Amino acid sequence: MEFLVAIDRIEGDTAVLLPAGEAVGRPGPGATLLWPKALLPDGAVEGAYLRVAVAVDPQAAAEAGVKVRGLLDRLRSGPGPDSRKGGGAGR
């Protein structure tokens, strides 16, 4: 999906982006995007228009799923044998 946004204003380190113009898939009315000013392209100032493209990344989702499952497995298995260095509680 691709759509246009206008930089409505910049508040501190945040740019306020509003849907603008005719686009392939325009967000609904009242939609506002808050974007880090540091991530704006060079030359982007208040009133500038930006083309935004959004796509699903199946590979990134799969990699994140593997990482999360690994973390959950570690949490479910409980603390490892080295978690009580110094003899453990009650000594």
Protein backbone atom coordinates (compact mmCIF):
# COMPACT_ATOMS: atom_id res chain seq x y z
CA MET A 1 0.00 0.00 0.00
CA GLU A 2 1.24 3.47 -0.78
CA PHE A 3 -0.13 6.85 0.27
CA LEU A 4 0.82 10.51 0.62
CA VAL A 5 1.20 12.43 3.84
CA ALA A 6 1.87 16.07 4.47
CA ILE A 7 4.12 17.24 7.26
CA ASP A 8 1.59 19.31 9.18
CA ARG A 9 3.98 20.47 11.87
CA ILE A 10 7.07 19.55 13.82
CA GLU A 11 6.77 19.52 17.59
CA GLY A 12 10.18 19.12 19.20
CA ASP A 13 11.61 15.82 17.96
CA THR A 14 8.31 14.63 16.43
CA ALA A 15 6.78 15.32 13.02
CA VAL A 16 2.98 15.27 12.78
CA LEU A 17 1.97 13.74 9.44
CA LEU A 18 -1.52 13.99 7.95
CA PRO A 19 -2.98 12.03 5.00
CA ALA A 20 -2.95 14.13 1.85
CA GLY A 21 -4.05 13.99 -1.76
CA GLU A 22 -5.31 11.06 -3.78
CA ALA A 23 -3.34 7.91 -3.16
CA VAL A 24 -3.55 4.19 -3.75
CA GLY A 25 -4.65 3.46 -0.18
CA ARG A 26 -5.35 6.57 1.83
CA PRO A 27 -5.81 6.25 5.61
CA GLY A 28 -9.23 7.24 6.92
CA PRO A 29 -10.19 10.78 7.90
CA GLY A 30 -8.68 11.97 11.14
CA ALA A 31 -5.67 9.67 10.83
CA THR A 32 -2.47 11.17 12.20
CA LEU A 33 1.00 9.68 12.13
CA LEU A 34 3.64 10.74 14.62
CA TRP A 35 7.12 10.23 13.19
CA PRO A 36 10.57 10.87 14.69
CA LYS A 37 12.00 14.04 13.16
CA ALA A 38 15.41 12.33 12.93
CA LEU A 39 13.94 9.76 10.50
CA LEU A 40 12.54 12.29 8.02
CA PRO A 41 14.32 12.44 4.65
CA ASP A 42 16.65 15.35 3.89
CA GLY A 43 14.74 18.46 2.88
CA ALA A 44 11.54 17.44 4.69
CA VAL A 45 10.03 20.55 6.28
CA GLU A 46 6.57 21.62 7.39
CA GLY A 47 4.28 21.57 4.35
CA ALA A 48 6.34 18.98 2.46
CA TYR A 49 4.63 15.88 1.06
CA LEU A 50 6.03 12.40 1.62
CA ARG A 51 5.15 9.16 -0.16
CA VAL A 52 4.79 6.33 2.35
CA ALA A 53 4.91 2.67 1.34
CA VAL A 54 3.77 -0.05 3.73
CA ALA A 55 4.26 -3.77 3.11
CA VAL A 56 4.12 -6.99 5.10
CA ASP A 57 7.53 -8.59 5.69
CA PRO A 58 6.94 -12.34 6.22
CA GLN A 59 10.64 -13.06 6.77
CA ALA A 60 10.95 -10.48 9.57
CA ALA A 61 7.77 -11.84 11.18
CA ALA A 62 9.09 -15.41 11.04
CA GLU A 63 12.44 -14.38 12.55
CA ALA A 64 10.69 -12.50 15.35
CA GLY A 65 8.48 -15.54 16.02
CA VAL A 66 11.53 -17.79 16.38
CA LYS A 67 13.13 -15.32 18.79
CA VAL A 68 9.96 -14.97 20.90
CA ARG A 69 9.43 -18.75 21.05
CA GLY A 70 13.02 -19.16 22.24
CA LEU A 71 12.53 -16.57 24.97
CA LEU A 72 9.25 -18.17 26.07
CA ASP A 73 10.89 -21.61 26.20
CA ARG A 74 13.65 -20.19 28.42
CA LEU A 75 11.09 -18.58 30.74
CA ARG A 76 8.99 -21.74 30.95
CA SER A 77 11.99 -23.95 31.75
CA GLY A 78 12.77 -21.87 34.83
CA PRO A 79 16.10 -20.65 36.13
CA GLY A 80 19.22 -22.47 35.03
CA PRO A 81 21.63 -24.22 37.41
CA ASP A 82 23.88 -21.14 37.62
CA SER A 83 21.07 -18.84 38.75
CA ARG A 84 21.86 -19.36 42.46
CA LYS A 85 25.55 -18.62 42.66
CA GLY A 86 26.89 -18.71 46.18
CA GLY A 87 24.96 -21.73 47.42
CA GLY A 88 21.38 -20.60 47.01
CA ALA A 89 18.82 -19.33 49.51
CA GLY A 90 18.58 -20.56 53.06
CA ARG A 91 22.25 -21.26 53.67
